Structure formats: structure tokens, C-alpha cells
Amino acid sequence: MPTKHLRFGNGFHVALANKRAQGATMVIAPGGSEGGPDNRHRGADQWLFVRLYSRKRDRTTGKRRNLGTFKTRAAAQKHERAVQFFKRGG
């Protein structure tokens, strides 16, 4: 089975494909959307992962730190609330 290191850039990118399947990544900015009501893929298996980044940028690299990848936005928000609880002396 082929493997590939995924790099998440803006937009939609096909990572792996064969005659019957396709693996792709799509990055949508916070508050953004993609497609419309006519953009449907009946019978297709699709997964959504939410990546949570720090609010502040690293002073040396200028990048935000990856705080984790979650299956839903609700799970990411629940994790963030728990982290903030303990940061404030829980």
C-alpha cells in the first residue's frame, strides 16, 4: 500500500488516487466555506479532521504551534476549554 506524507496547503489537493478511490486534502480558512448545495458526493466516504493551532505565533519561527488534530470541531473546542481550565489553575 502506498503511503504519503500530507502537506496541508490552501485549497483542495489530490494526495493519492487509483481507478476506484481518491484521497485528498482540503484546507478551509476559519469562517470560510467551499462548494454549494449542488456539490454532493452520494455514496462517498468522507472524513473531516479539525486541526487546532495556538493563538500566538512563535517568536523565532513566526508560526503557530499545532495543538492537535480532532475528528470534529466540537471535540477541538472541548479540548481547548479543558486546556484553558488547567492553565488558569483549574
PDB file of N, CA and C in Angstrom:
ATOM      1  N   MET A   1       0.853  -1.175   0.000  1.00  0.00           N
ATOM      2  CA  MET A   1       0.000   0.000   0.000  1.00  0.00           C
ATOM      3  C   MET A   1       0.898   1.237   0.000  1.00  0.00           C
ATOM      4  N   PRO A   2       0.656   2.182  -0.907  1.00  0.00           N
ATOM      5  CA  PRO A   2       1.474   3.392  -0.922  1.00  0.00           C
ATOM      6  C   PRO A   2       1.142   4.299   0.257  1.00  0.00           C
ATOM      7  N   THR A   3       2.151   4.992   0.715  1.00  0.00           N
ATOM      8  CA  THR A   3       1.952   5.973   1.771  1.00  0.00           C
ATOM      9  C   THR A   3       2.467   7.316   1.295  1.00  0.00           C
ATOM     10  N   LYS A   4       1.979   8.368   1.907  1.00  0.00           N
ATOM     11  CA  LYS A   4       2.404   9.700   1.516  1.00  0.00           C
ATOM     12  C   LYS A   4       2.321  10.619   2.715  1.00  0.00           C
ATOM     13  N   HIS A   5       3.320  11.464   2.864  1.00  0.00           N
ATOM     14  CA  HIS A   5       3.307  12.492   3.907  1.00  0.00           C
ATOM     15  C   HIS A   5       2.456  13.649   3.378  1.00  0.00           C
ATOM     16  N   LEU A   6       1.379  13.978   4.071  1.00  0.00           N
ATOM     17  CA  LEU A   6       0.476  15.021   3.601  1.00  0.00           C
ATOM     18  C   LEU A   6       0.954  16.395   4.030  1.00  0.00           C
ATOM     19  N   ARG A   7       0.910  17.319   3.100  1.00  0.00           N
ATOM     20  CA  ARG A   7       1.213  18.716   3.393  1.00  0.00           C
ATOM     21  C   ARG A   7      -0.065  19.499   3.138  1.00  0.00           C
ATOM     22  N   PHE A   8      -0.536  20.192   4.156  1.00  0.00           N
ATOM     23  CA  PHE A   8      -1.813  20.886   4.073  1.00  0.00           C
ATOM     24  C   PHE A   8      -1.597  22.334   3.667  1.00  0.00           C
ATOM     25  N   GLY A   9      -1.865  22.629   2.399  1.00  0.00           N
ATOM     26  CA  GLY A   9      -1.822  23.998   1.901  1.00  0.00           C
ATOM     27  C   GLY A   9      -3.245  24.470   1.658  1.00  0.00           C
ATOM     28  N   ASN A  10      -3.415  25.691   1.233  1.00  0.00           N
ATOM     29  CA  ASN A  10      -4.754  26.223   0.979  1.00  0.00           C
ATOM     30  C   ASN A  10      -5.395  25.517  -0.206  1.00  0.00           C
ATOM     31  N   GLY A  11      -6.703  25.267  -0.100  1.00  0.00           N
ATOM     32  CA  GLY A  11      -7.450  24.684  -1.205  1.00  0.00           C
ATOM     33  C   GLY A  11      -7.492  23.169  -1.182  1.00  0.00           C
ATOM     34  N   PHE A  12      -7.881  22.597  -2.321  1.00  0.00           N
ATOM     35  CA  PHE A  12      -8.106  21.166  -2.499  1.00  0.00           C
ATOM     36  C   PHE A  12      -6.928  20.563  -3.262  1.00  0.00           C
ATOM     37  N   HIS A  13      -6.370  19.469  -2.736  1.00  0.00           N
ATOM     38  CA  HIS A  13      -5.241  18.804  -3.385  1.00  0.00           C
ATOM     39  C   HIS A  13      -5.425  17.296  -3.314  1.00  0.00           C
ATOM     40  N   VAL A  14      -5.351  16.613  -4.467  1.00  0.00           N
ATOM     41  CA  VAL A  14      -5.423  15.155  -4.507  1.00  0.00           C
ATOM     42  C   VAL A  14      -4.084  14.607  -4.047  1.00  0.00           C
ATOM     43  N   ALA A  15      -4.107  13.747  -3.034  1.00  0.00           N
ATOM     44  CA  ALA A  15      -2.874  13.180  -2.492  1.00  0.00           C
ATOM     45  C   ALA A  15      -2.563  11.831  -3.135  1.00  0.00           C
ATOM     46  N   LEU A  16      -3.539  10.945  -3.194  1.00  0.00           N
ATOM     47  CA  LEU A  16      -3.400   9.618  -3.788  1.00  0.00           C
ATOM     48  C   LEU A  16      -4.661   9.286  -4.560  1.00  0.00           C
ATOM     49  N   ALA A  17      -4.531   8.524  -5.641  1.00  0.00           N
ATOM     50  CA  ALA A  17      -5.716   8.143  -6.413  1.00  0.00           C
ATOM     51  C   ALA A  17      -5.446   6.853  -7.182  1.00  0.00           C
ATOM     52  N   ASN A  18      -6.508   6.091  -7.429  1.00  0.00           N
ATOM     53  CA  ASN A  18      -6.471   4.961  -8.350  1.00  0.00           C
ATOM     54  C   ASN A  18      -7.797   4.946  -9.101  1.00  0.00           C
ATOM     55  N   LYS A  19      -8.136   3.842  -9.773  1.00  0.00           N
ATOM     56  CA  LYS A  19      -9.360   3.802 -10.582  1.00  0.00           C
ATOM     57  C   LYS A  19     -10.635   3.936  -9.751  1.00  0.00           C
ATOM     58  N   ARG A  20     -10.605   3.471  -8.491  1.00  0.00           N
ATOM     59  CA  ARG A  20     -11.826   3.433  -7.687  1.00  0.00           C
ATOM     60  C   ARG A  20     -11.856   4.377  -6.510  1.00  0.00           C
ATOM     61  N   ALA A  21     -10.731   4.986  -6.171  1.00  0.00           N
ATOM     62  CA  ALA A  21     -10.695   5.799  -4.950  1.00  0.00           C
ATOM     63  C   ALA A  21      -9.776   6.997  -5.124  1.00  0.00           C
ATOM     64  N   GLN A  22      -9.984   7.956  -4.246  1.00  0.00           N
ATOM     65  CA  GLN A  22      -9.174   9.161  -4.266  1.00  0.00           C
ATOM     66  C   GLN A  22      -9.012   9.654  -2.829  1.00  0.00           C
ATOM     67  N   GLY A  23      -7.811  10.003  -2.477  1.00  0.00           N
ATOM     68  CA  GLY A  23      -7.542  10.598  -1.175  1.00  0.00           C
ATOM     69  C   GLY A  23      -7.073  12.022  -1.402  1.00  0.00           C
ATOM     70  N   ALA A  24      -7.675  12.962  -0.709  1.00  0.00           N
ATOM     71  CA  ALA A  24      -7.347  14.364  -0.942  1.00  0.00           C
ATOM     72  C   ALA A  24      -7.373  15.135   0.367  1.00  0.00           C
ATOM     73  N   THR A  25      -6.771  16.317   0.334  1.00  0.00           N
ATOM     74  CA  THR A  25      -6.826  17.227   1.467  1.00  0.00           C
ATOM     75  C   THR A  25      -7.479  18.526   1.012  1.00  0.00           C
ATOM     76  N   MET A  26      -8.165  19.166   1.932  1.00  0.00           N
ATOM     77  CA  MET A  26      -8.757  20.472   1.650  1.00  0.00           C
ATOM     78  C   MET A  26      -8.627  21.317   2.906  1.00  0.00           C
ATOM     79  N   VAL A  27      -8.100  22.514   2.733  1.00  0.00           N
ATOM     80  CA  VAL A  27      -7.962  23.441   3.846  1.00  0.00           C
ATOM     81  C   VAL A  27      -8.915  24.608   3.606  1.00  0.00           C
ATOM     82  N   ILE A  28      -9.760  24.864   4.580  1.00  0.00           N
ATOM     83  CA  ILE A  28     -10.708  25.975   4.513  1.00  0.00           C
ATOM     84  C   ILE A  28     -10.412  26.900   5.683  1.00  0.00           C
ATOM     85  N   ALA A  29     -10.264  28.175   5.405  1.00  0.00           N
ATOM     86  CA  ALA A  29      -9.968  29.157   6.449  1.00  0.00           C
ATOM     87  C   ALA A  29     -11.110  29.224   7.456  1.00  0.00           C
ATOM     88  N   PRO A  30     -10.812  29.587   8.712  1.00  0.00           N
ATOM     89  CA  PRO A  30     -11.882  29.730   9.708  1.00  0.00           C
ATOM     90  C   PRO A  30     -12.966  30.672   9.208  1.00  0.00           C
ATOM     91  N   GLY A  31     -14.211  30.218   9.299  1.00  0.00           N
ATOM     92  CA  GLY A  31     -15.341  31.016   8.842  1.00  0.00           C
ATOM     93  C   GLY A  31     -15.602  30.888   7.351  1.00  0.00           C
ATOM     94  N   GLY A  32     -14.732  30.184   6.627  1.00  0.00           N
ATOM     95  CA  GLY A  32     -14.888  30.030   5.179  1.00  0.00           C
ATOM     96  C   GLY A  32     -15.788  28.858   4.829  1.00  0.00           C
ATOM     97  N   SER A  33     -16.085  28.729   3.541  1.00  0.00           N
ATOM     98  CA  SER A  33     -16.897  27.609   3.073  1.00  0.00           C
ATOM     99  C   SER A  33     -16.413  27.206   1.693  1.00  0.00           C
ATOM    100  N   GLU A  34     -16.848  26.045   1.242  1.00  0.00           N
ATOM    101  CA  GLU A  34     -16.430  25.523  -0.049  1.00  0.00           C
ATOM    102  C   GLU A  34     -17.619  24.824  -0.695  1.00  0.00           C
ATOM    103  N   GLY A  35     -17.792  25.020  -1.984  1.00  0.00           N
ATOM    104  CA  GLY A  35     -18.876  24.348  -2.691  1.00  0.00           C
ATOM    105  C   GLY A  35     -20.225  24.978  -2.398  1.00  0.00           C
ATOM    106  N   GLY A  36     -21.251  24.351  -2.911  1.00  0.00           N
ATOM    107  CA  GLY A  36     -22.610  24.841  -2.709  1.00  0.00           C
ATOM    108  C   GLY A  36     -23.550  23.678  -2.501  1.00  0.00           C
ATOM    109  N   PRO A  37     -24.861  23.931  -2.518  1.00  0.00           N
ATOM    110  CA  PRO A  37     -25.827  22.854  -2.282  1.00  0.00           C
ATOM    111  C   PRO A  37     -25.812  21.791  -3.378  1.00  0.00           C
ATOM    112  N   ASP A  38     -25.332  22.136  -4.565  1.00  0.00           N
ATOM    113  CA  ASP A  38     -25.298  21.166  -5.664  1.00  0.00           C
ATOM    114  C   ASP A  38     -24.030  20.305  -5.632  1.00  0.00           C
ATOM    115  N   ASN A  39     -23.103  20.591  -4.742  1.00  0.00           N
ATOM    116  CA  ASN A  39     -21.847  19.849  -4.631  1.00  0.00           C
ATOM    117  C   ASN A  39     -22.057  18.673  -3.689  1.00  0.00           C
ATOM    118  N   ARG A  40     -22.501  17.525  -4.236  1.00  0.00           N
ATOM    119  CA  ARG A  40     -22.807  16.348  -3.418  1.00  0.00           C
ATOM    120  C   ARG A  40     -22.051  15.152  -3.956  1.00  0.00           C
ATOM    121  N   HIS A  41     -21.692  14.256  -3.066  1.00  0.00           N
ATOM    122  CA  HIS A  41     -20.984  13.036  -3.431  1.00  0.00           C
ATOM    123  C   HIS A  41     -21.689  11.865  -2.758  1.00  0.00           C
ATOM    124  N   ARG A  42     -22.834  11.491  -3.293  1.00  0.00           N
ATOM    125  CA  ARG A  42     -23.620  10.401  -2.700  1.00  0.00           C
ATOM    126  C   ARG A  42     -22.843   9.085  -2.752  1.00  0.00           C
ATOM    127  N   GLY A  43     -22.901   8.361  -1.662  1.00  0.00           N
ATOM    128  CA  GLY A  43     -22.236   7.069  -1.594  1.00  0.00           C
ATOM    129  C   GLY A  43     -20.739   7.161  -1.342  1.00  0.00           C
ATOM    130  N   ALA A  44     -20.213   8.353  -1.175  1.00  0.00           N
ATOM    131  CA  ALA A  44     -18.772   8.512  -0.935  1.00  0.00           C
ATOM    132  C   ALA A  44     -18.499   8.575   0.566  1.00  0.00           C
ATOM    133  N   ASP A  45     -17.427   7.936   0.969  1.00  0.00           N
ATOM    134  CA  ASP A  45     -16.981   8.039   2.358  1.00  0.00           C
ATOM    135  C   ASP A  45     -16.121   9.279   2.472  1.00  0.00           C
ATOM    136  N   GLN A  46     -16.454  10.134   3.418  1.00  0.00           N
ATOM    137  CA  GLN A  46     -15.672  11.345   3.626  1.00  0.00           C
ATOM    138  C   GLN A  46     -15.412  11.512   5.114  1.00  0.00           C
ATOM    139  N   TRP A  47     -14.219  11.994   5.444  1.00  0.00           N
ATOM    140  CA  TRP A  47     -13.847  12.246   6.825  1.00  0.00           C
ATOM    141  C   TRP A  47     -13.454  13.692   6.977  1.00  0.00           C
ATOM    142  N   LEU A  48     -13.715  14.219   8.143  1.00  0.00           N
ATOM    143  CA  LEU A  48     -13.339  15.598   8.460  1.00  0.00           C
ATOM    144  C   LEU A  48     -12.461  15.568   9.702  1.00  0.00           C
ATOM    145  N   PHE A  49     -11.317  16.228   9.611  1.00  0.00           N
ATOM    146  CA  PHE A  49     -10.447  16.380  10.768  1.00  0.00           C
ATOM    147  C   PHE A  49     -10.227  17.865  10.977  1.00  0.00           C
ATOM    148  N   VAL A  50     -10.269  18.293  12.220  1.00  0.00           N
ATOM    149  CA  VAL A  50     -10.077  19.695  12.565  1.00  0.00           C
ATOM    150  C   VAL A  50      -8.731  19.821  13.260  1.00  0.00           C
ATOM    151  N   ARG A  51      -7.865  20.680  12.740  1.00  0.00           N
ATOM    152  CA  ARG A  51      -6.556  20.909  13.355  1.00  0.00           C
ATOM    153  C   ARG A  51      -6.620  22.212  14.139  1.00  0.00           C
ATOM    154  N   LEU A  52      -6.190  22.160  15.384  1.00  0.00           N
ATOM    155  CA  LEU A  52      -6.238  23.303  16.282  1.00  0.00           C
ATOM    156  C   LEU A  52      -4.836  23.894  16.415  1.00  0.00           C
ATOM    157  N   TYR A  53      -4.714  25.199  16.175  1.00  0.00           N
ATOM    158  CA  TYR A  53      -3.432  25.886  16.282  1.00  0.00           C
ATOM    159  C   TYR A  53      -3.467  26.888  17.430  1.00  0.00           C
ATOM    160  N   SER A  54      -2.284  27.206  17.962  1.00  0.00           N
ATOM    161  CA  SER A  54      -2.184  28.193  19.036  1.00  0.00           C
ATOM    162  C   SER A  54      -2.574  29.570  18.514  1.00  0.00           C
ATOM    163  N   ARG A  55      -3.018  30.435  19.403  1.00  0.00           N
ATOM    164  CA  ARG A  55      -3.404  31.788  19.011  1.00  0.00           C
ATOM    165  C   ARG A  55      -2.179  32.662  18.760  1.00  0.00           C
ATOM    166  N   LYS A  56      -1.159  32.465  19.586  1.00  0.00           N
ATOM    167  CA  LYS A  56       0.055  33.281  19.465  1.00  0.00           C
ATOM    168  C   LYS A  56       1.064  32.604  18.543  1.00  0.00           C
ATOM    169  N   ARG A  57       1.827  33.415  17.837  1.00  0.00           N
ATOM    170  CA  ARG A  57       2.877  32.906  16.959  1.00  0.00           C
ATOM    171  C   ARG A  57       4.188  32.758  17.733  1.00  0.00           C
ATOM    172  N   ASP A  58       4.972  31.770  17.358  1.00  0.00           N
ATOM    173  CA  ASP A  58       6.295  31.577  17.941  1.00  0.00           C
ATOM    174  C   ASP A  58       7.180  32.757  17.538  1.00  0.00           C
ATOM    175  N   ARG A  59       7.903  33.313  18.493  1.00  0.00           N
ATOM    176  CA  ARG A  59       8.727  34.499  18.208  1.00  0.00           C
ATOM    177  C   ARG A  59       9.862  34.201  17.231  1.00  0.00           C
ATOM    178  N   THR A  60      10.413  32.988  17.302  1.00  0.00           N
ATOM    179  CA  THR A  60      11.570  32.679  16.457  1.00  0.00           C
ATOM    180  C   THR A  60      11.168  32.241  15.051  1.00  0.00           C
ATOM    181  N   THR A  61      10.111  31.423  14.937  1.00  0.00           N
ATOM    182  CA  THR A  61       9.723  30.900  13.617  1.00  0.00           C
ATOM    183  C   THR A  61       8.601  31.710  12.968  1.00  0.00           C
ATOM    184  N   GLY A  62       7.809  32.406  13.776  1.00  0.00           N
ATOM    185  CA  GLY A  62       6.673  33.147  13.240  1.00  0.00           C
ATOM    186  C   GLY A  62       5.473  32.269  12.927  1.00  0.00           C
ATOM    187  N   LYS A  63       5.532  30.985  13.299  1.00  0.00           N
ATOM    188  CA  LYS A  63       4.439  30.050  13.009  1.00  0.00           C
ATOM    189  C   LYS A  63       3.622  29.772  14.266  1.00  0.00           C
ATOM    190  N   ARG A  64       2.390  29.343  14.040  1.00  0.00           N
ATOM    191  CA  ARG A  64       1.531  28.924  15.145  1.00  0.00           C
ATOM    192  C   ARG A  64       1.789  27.456  15.451  1.00  0.00           C
ATOM    193  N   ARG A  65       1.743  27.073  16.731  1.00  0.00           N
ATOM    194  CA  ARG A  65       2.004  25.695  17.134  1.00  0.00           C
ATOM    195  C   ARG A  65       0.764  24.826  16.937  1.00  0.00           C
ATOM    196  N   ASN A  66       0.944  23.623  16.393  1.00  0.00           N
ATOM    197  CA  ASN A  66      -0.148  22.670  16.228  1.00  0.00           C
ATOM    198  C   ASN A  66      -0.494  22.088  17.595  1.00  0.00           C
ATOM    199  N   LEU A  67      -1.734  22.280  18.034  1.00  0.00           N
ATOM    200  CA  LEU A  67      -2.163  21.808  19.348  1.00  0.00           C
ATOM    201  C   LEU A  67      -2.873  20.470  19.297  1.00  0.00           C
ATOM    202  N   GLY A  68      -3.108  19.956  18.099  1.00  0.00           N
ATOM    203  CA  GLY A  68      -3.761  18.660  17.972  1.00  0.00           C
ATOM    204  C   GLY A  68      -4.700  18.611  16.786  1.00  0.00           C
ATOM    205  N   THR A  69      -5.049  17.392  16.390  1.00  0.00           N
ATOM    206  CA  THR A  69      -5.979  17.160  15.295  1.00  0.00           C
ATOM    207  C   THR A  69      -7.157  16.372  15.855  1.00  0.00           C
ATOM    208  N   PHE A  70      -8.355  16.813  15.570  1.00  0.00           N
ATOM    209  CA  PHE A  70      -9.565  16.236  16.152  1.00  0.00           C
ATOM    210  C   PHE A  70     -10.555  15.854  15.060  1.00  0.00           C
ATOM    211  N   LYS A  71     -11.453  14.936  15.374  1.00  0.00           N
ATOM    212  CA  LYS A  71     -12.425  14.464  14.383  1.00  0.00           C
ATOM    213  C   LYS A  71     -13.564  15.453  14.158  1.00  0.00           C
ATOM    214  N   THR A  72     -13.849  16.278  15.139  1.00  0.00           N
ATOM    215  CA  THR A  72     -14.925  17.264  14.986  1.00  0.00           C
ATOM    216  C   THR A  72     -14.492  18.590  15.587  1.00  0.00           C
ATOM    217  N   ARG A  73     -15.147  19.658  15.163  1.00  0.00           N
ATOM    218  CA  ARG A  73     -14.865  20.975  15.726  1.00  0.00           C
ATOM    219  C   ARG A  73     -15.258  21.006  17.207  1.00  0.00           C
ATOM    220  N   ALA A  74     -16.345  20.324  17.541  1.00  0.00           N
ATOM    221  CA  ALA A  74     -16.799  20.281  18.935  1.00  0.00           C
ATOM    222  C   ALA A  74     -15.730  19.637  19.821  1.00  0.00           C
ATOM    223  N   ALA A  75     -15.087  18.576  19.329  1.00  0.00           N
ATOM    224  CA  ALA A  75     -14.027  17.919  20.104  1.00  0.00           C
ATOM    225  C   ALA A  75     -12.835  18.856  20.282  1.00  0.00           C
ATOM    226  N   ALA A  76     -12.507  19.611  19.251  1.00  0.00           N
ATOM    227  CA  ALA A  76     -11.402  20.573  19.341  1.00  0.00           C
ATOM    228  C   ALA A  76     -11.724  21.660  20.367  1.00  0.00           C
ATOM    229  N   GLN A  77     -12.954  22.161  20.347  1.00  0.00           N
ATOM    230  CA  GLN A  77     -13.349  23.200  21.289  1.00  0.00           C
ATOM    231  C   GLN A  77     -13.389  22.670  22.720  1.00  0.00           C
ATOM    232  N   LYS A  78     -13.835  21.420  22.901  1.00  0.00           N
ATOM    233  CA  LYS A  78     -13.862  20.810  24.229  1.00  0.00           C
ATOM    234  C   LYS A  78     -12.439  20.684  24.771  1.00  0.00           C
ATOM    235  N   HIS A  79     -11.506  20.268  23.920  1.00  0.00           N
ATOM    236  CA  HIS A  79     -10.106  20.161  24.317  1.00  0.00           C
ATOM    237  C   HIS A  79      -9.550  21.535  24.717  1.00  0.00           C
ATOM    238  N   GLU A  80      -9.860  22.551  23.936  1.00  0.00           N
ATOM    239  CA  GLU A  80      -9.371  23.897  24.211  1.00  0.00           C
ATOM    240  C   GLU A  80      -9.914  24.413  25.546  1.00  0.00           C
ATOM    241  N   ARG A  81     -11.201  24.162  25.842  1.00  0.00           N
ATOM    242  CA  ARG A  81     -11.775  24.571  27.129  1.00  0.00           C
ATOM    243  C   ARG A  81     -11.065  23.883  28.290  1.00  0.00           C
ATOM    244  N   ALA A  82     -10.763  22.587  28.139  1.00  0.00           N
ATOM    245  CA  ALA A  82     -10.071  21.844  29.188  1.00  0.00           C
ATOM    246  C   ALA A  82      -8.675  22.393  29.410  1.00  0.00           C
ATOM    247  N   VAL A  83      -7.977  22.702  28.331  1.00  0.00           N
ATOM    248  CA  VAL A  83      -6.627  23.257  28.445  1.00  0.00           C
ATOM    249  C   VAL A  83      -6.676  24.603  29.157  1.00  0.00           C
ATOM    250  N   GLN A  84      -7.608  25.464  28.773  1.00  0.00           N
ATOM    251  CA  GLN A  84      -7.720  26.788  29.402  1.00  0.00           C
ATOM    252  C   GLN A  84      -8.078  26.662  30.883  1.00  0.00           C
ATOM    253  N   PHE A  85      -8.922  25.681  31.234  1.00  0.00           N
ATOM    254  CA  PHE A  85      -9.283  25.440  32.626  1.00  0.00           C
ATOM    255  C   PHE A  85      -8.037  25.167  33.463  1.00  0.00           C
ATOM    256  N   PHE A  86      -7.179  24.261  32.986  1.00  0.00           N
ATOM    257  CA  PHE A  86      -5.983  23.900  33.732  1.00  0.00           C
ATOM    258  C   PHE A  86      -4.927  24.998  33.704  1.00  0.00           C
ATOM    259  N   LYS A  87      -4.868  25.779  32.631  1.00  0.00           N
ATOM    260  CA  LYS A  87      -3.928  26.890  32.573  1.00  0.00           C
ATOM    261  C   LYS A  87      -4.265  27.960  33.609  1.00  0.00           C
ATOM    262  N   ARG A  88      -5.537  28.081  33.938  1.00  0.00           N
ATOM    263  CA  ARG A  88      -5.974  29.096  34.898  1.00  0.00           C
ATOM    264  C   ARG A  88      -5.975  28.579  36.333  1.00  0.00           C
ATOM    265  N   GLY A  89      -5.385  27.421  36.557  1.00  0.00           N
ATOM    266  CA  GLY A  89      -5.250  26.908  37.920  1.00  0.00           C
ATOM    267  C   GLY A  89      -6.347  25.965  38.330  1.00  0.00           C
ATOM    268  N   GLY A  90      -7.164  25.492  37.371  1.00  0.00           N
ATOM    269  CA  GLY A  90      -8.222  24.524  37.490  1.00  0.00           C
ATOM    270  C   GLY A  90      -8.646  24.154  38.818  1.00  0.00           C
TER     271      GLY A  90
END
